Amino acid sequence: TSARSQLAGAVATHASGLSIREIVRKYLVEPYGMKATTCGRGLVPQMATCLTTTGRDYERFLRAQLAKDVLAAEIVDASERDYTPFLTDYYTLYGNYGFGHFLECFDSVEGFTADCKAAMIHSDPGAFGFYPLVDRRLGYYMEIVAFEASKRDYPRSGIPEYLRLLVKPLADAAIAGEG
């Protein structure tokens, strides 16, 4: 995804005449009210990894995505389409892919099942402790935010994924008035 993000960033900078930081500020930070979010260090930030954000700022983004009140509903709906239906019958760790996130079907050896499709969960597990999701069927969002740091290049412990598996059924029950 890093190469795709870099290509998208190159196209966006060329088409707009703005830098990556200016694009992030204009189209993400300002419209979503993400006061503590910044983009990258150095002269040329990497699109796939330039954001530094907080759980509170990410929550602002998730709330706006659920309500469809920053981007037009048609754009949000288009981002939530299944753009990898050819993967439906194969194992993928997080499920099929929309635009910028997964149509969640966590660790299903059967592929993207009818149950996964009916659940309507859109998630974007991050490598550095974020596991946000929007549950369209039940009409809520949630995020797991756990600080992860390591001496290795890819400090992913799996803890946010495990926490998501533990917390989501409890959130579902609370939303349904069962908890």
Protein backbone atom coordinates (compact mmCIF):
# COMPACT_ATOMS: atom_id res chain seq x y z
CA THR A 1 0.00 0.00 0.00
CA SER A 2 2.97 2.33 0.46
CA ALA A 3 3.66 2.46 -3.28
CA ARG A 4 -0.03 3.13 -4.01
CA SER A 5 -0.10 5.88 -1.40
CA GLN A 6 3.03 7.45 -2.86
CA LEU A 7 1.54 7.35 -6.35
CA ALA A 8 -1.73 8.87 -5.10
CA GLY A 9 0.27 11.57 -3.31
CA ALA A 10 2.29 12.33 -6.44
CA VAL A 11 -0.88 12.62 -8.53
CA ALA A 12 -2.55 14.83 -5.90
CA THR A 13 0.45 17.16 -5.58
CA HIS A 14 0.78 17.48 -9.35
CA ALA A 15 -2.94 18.07 -9.92
CA SER A 16 -3.37 20.55 -7.06
CA GLY A 17 -0.03 22.31 -7.02
CA LEU A 18 0.02 21.77 -3.23
CA SER A 19 2.61 19.92 -1.13
CA ILE A 20 1.66 16.72 0.72
CA ARG A 21 1.50 18.68 3.98
CA GLU A 22 -0.77 21.31 2.39
CA ILE A 23 -3.07 18.61 0.98
CA VAL A 24 -3.31 16.88 4.36
CA ARG A 25 -4.02 20.20 6.08
CA LYS A 26 -6.60 21.37 3.51
CA TYR A 27 -8.50 18.11 2.98
CA LEU A 28 -8.08 16.25 6.27
CA VAL A 29 -6.88 18.29 9.25
CA GLU A 30 -9.04 21.40 8.74
CA PRO A 31 -12.35 19.90 7.55
CA TYR A 32 -12.32 17.19 10.22
CA GLY A 33 -11.13 19.52 13.00
CA MET A 34 -8.07 17.40 13.72
CA LYS A 35 -6.21 19.89 15.89
CA ALA A 36 -3.34 17.64 17.01
CA THR A 37 -2.67 15.88 13.68
CA THR A 38 0.50 16.59 11.70
CA CYS A 39 2.07 15.25 8.52
CA GLY A 40 5.60 13.98 8.39
CA ARG A 41 9.10 15.09 8.99
CA GLY A 42 11.77 15.96 6.49
CA LEU A 43 11.49 17.55 3.08
CA VAL A 44 9.33 14.89 1.41
CA PRO A 45 6.98 13.09 3.82
CA GLN A 46 5.85 9.60 2.88
CA MET A 47 2.11 9.49 2.15
CA ALA A 48 1.63 6.06 3.72
CA THR A 49 3.26 7.03 7.00
CA CYS A 50 3.24 10.82 7.26
CA LEU A 51 0.38 11.22 9.76
CA THR A 52 0.90 11.55 13.47
CA THR A 53 -2.44 11.78 15.20
CA THR A 54 -4.23 11.18 18.47
CA GLY A 55 -7.16 8.98 19.44
CA ARG A 56 -9.28 12.12 19.89
CA ASP A 57 -8.49 13.43 16.40
CA TYR A 58 -9.09 10.01 14.84
CA GLU A 59 -12.41 9.93 16.66
CA ARG A 60 -13.37 13.20 14.93
CA PHE A 61 -12.63 11.55 11.58
CA LEU A 62 -14.63 8.40 12.44
CA ARG A 63 -17.62 10.42 13.67
CA ALA A 64 -17.66 12.42 10.42
CA GLN A 65 -17.37 9.26 8.31
CA LEU A 66 -20.26 7.62 10.16
CA ALA A 67 -22.44 10.72 9.82
CA LYS A 68 -21.21 11.48 6.29
CA ASP A 69 -21.06 15.14 7.23
CA VAL A 70 -17.66 16.22 5.86
CA LEU A 71 -17.53 14.39 2.56
CA ALA A 72 -20.62 14.00 0.42
CA ALA A 73 -22.54 10.80 1.19
CA GLU A 74 -21.90 9.58 -2.37
CA ILE A 75 -18.14 9.81 -1.84
CA VAL A 76 -18.26 7.98 1.49
CA ASP A 77 -20.52 5.32 -0.05
CA ALA A 78 -18.12 4.91 -2.98
CA SER A 79 -15.19 4.49 -0.57
CA GLU A 80 -17.06 1.69 1.19
CA ARG A 81 -17.64 -0.42 -1.92
CA ASP A 82 -15.81 -3.71 -2.30
CA TYR A 83 -12.96 -2.98 -4.72
CA THR A 84 -11.42 -6.46 -4.39
CA PRO A 85 -14.31 -8.87 -4.99
CA PHE A 86 -11.83 -11.19 -6.69
CA LEU A 87 -10.46 -11.94 -3.20
CA THR A 88 -13.83 -13.05 -1.79
CA ASP A 89 -13.07 -16.78 -1.90
CA TYR A 90 -9.55 -16.47 -0.46
CA TYR A 91 -8.11 -15.92 2.98
CA THR A 92 -7.06 -12.37 3.79
CA LEU A 93 -6.22 -11.26 7.32
CA TYR A 94 -8.63 -8.32 7.46
CA GLY A 95 -11.11 -8.97 4.63
CA ASN A 96 -11.76 -7.42 1.23
CA TYR A 97 -10.64 -3.88 0.51
CA GLY A 98 -12.64 -0.71 0.01
CA PHE A 99 -10.91 2.62 -0.65
CA GLY A 100 -8.47 3.22 2.19
CA HIS A 101 -9.88 0.60 4.52
CA PHE A 102 -11.01 -3.01 4.79
CA LEU A 103 -14.53 -4.43 4.58
CA GLU A 104 -13.80 -6.39 7.70
CA CYS A 105 -13.81 -10.15 7.77
CA PHE A 106 -11.14 -10.73 10.39
CA ASP A 107 -9.01 -13.84 9.95
CA SER A 108 -11.69 -15.80 8.05
CA VAL A 109 -10.23 -18.90 6.41
CA GLU A 110 -13.43 -19.05 4.32
CA GLY A 111 -12.75 -15.65 2.76
CA PHE A 112 -15.20 -12.74 2.68
CA THR A 113 -18.37 -14.58 3.71
CA ALA A 114 -22.03 -13.53 3.47
CA ASP A 115 -21.94 -12.95 7.25
CA CYS A 116 -18.98 -10.58 6.84
CA LYS A 117 -20.80 -8.69 4.10
CA ALA A 118 -23.96 -8.44 6.23
CA ALA A 119 -21.97 -7.16 9.25
CA MET A 120 -21.02 -4.01 7.28
CA ILE A 121 -17.89 -3.31 9.34
CA HIS A 122 -15.32 -0.97 7.82
CA SER A 123 -11.93 -1.00 9.55
CA ASP A 124 -8.37 0.14 9.02
CA PRO A 125 -6.02 -1.66 11.40
CA GLY A 126 -2.84 0.36 11.71
CA ALA A 127 0.66 -0.81 12.40
CA PHE A 128 1.23 1.51 15.34
CA GLY A 129 -1.62 0.67 17.71
CA PHE A 130 -4.72 2.09 16.02
CA TYR A 131 -7.65 -0.17 15.17
CA PRO A 132 -10.57 2.05 14.11
CA LEU A 133 -13.83 0.78 12.70
CA VAL A 134 -17.23 1.96 11.55
CA ASP A 135 -20.11 -0.47 12.01
CA ARG A 136 -22.72 0.59 9.44
CA ARG A 137 -25.21 -2.12 10.39
CA LEU A 138 -25.40 -1.05 14.04
CA GLY A 139 -24.62 2.61 13.33
CA TYR A 140 -21.59 3.32 15.50
CA TYR A 141 -17.84 3.70 15.40
CA MET A 142 -15.11 2.72 17.82
CA GLU A 143 -11.35 2.66 17.96
CA ILE A 144 -8.68 0.86 19.87
CA VAL A 145 -5.69 3.12 20.51
CA ALA A 146 -2.65 1.49 22.07
CA PHE A 147 0.81 3.03 21.97
CA GLU A 148 3.23 0.54 20.45
CA ALA A 149 6.96 1.12 20.13
CA SER A 150 9.79 -1.23 19.32
CA LYS A 151 13.35 -1.29 18.09
CA ARG A 152 12.17 -3.21 15.04
CA ASP A 153 10.97 -1.38 11.92
CA TYR A 154 7.43 -2.75 12.18
CA PRO A 155 6.30 -2.68 15.80
CA ARG A 156 3.04 -4.57 15.51
CA SER A 157 2.27 -6.71 18.53
CA GLY A 158 -1.24 -7.82 17.58
CA ILE A 159 -2.58 -6.41 20.85
CA PRO A 160 -4.98 -3.91 19.18
CA GLU A 161 -6.41 -6.74 17.07
CA TYR A 162 -6.97 -8.91 20.15
CA LEU A 163 -8.52 -5.99 22.02
CA ARG A 164 -10.83 -5.33 19.05
CA LEU A 165 -12.00 -8.94 19.15
CA LEU A 166 -12.70 -8.63 22.88
CA VAL A 167 -14.28 -5.16 22.92
CA LYS A 168 -16.48 -5.15 19.79
CA PRO A 169 -19.01 -7.73 21.06
CA LEU A 170 -19.34 -5.70 24.26
CA ALA A 171 -19.88 -2.49 22.26
CA ASP A 172 -22.44 -4.30 20.09
CA ALA A 173 -24.34 -5.41 23.22
CA ALA A 174 -24.25 -1.90 24.69
CA ILE A 175 -25.54 -0.38 21.43
CA ALA A 176 -28.30 -3.00 21.30
CA GLY A 177 -29.24 -2.21 24.94
CA GLU A 178 -28.17 -5.64 26.16
CA GLY A 179 -25.31 -4.57 28.38
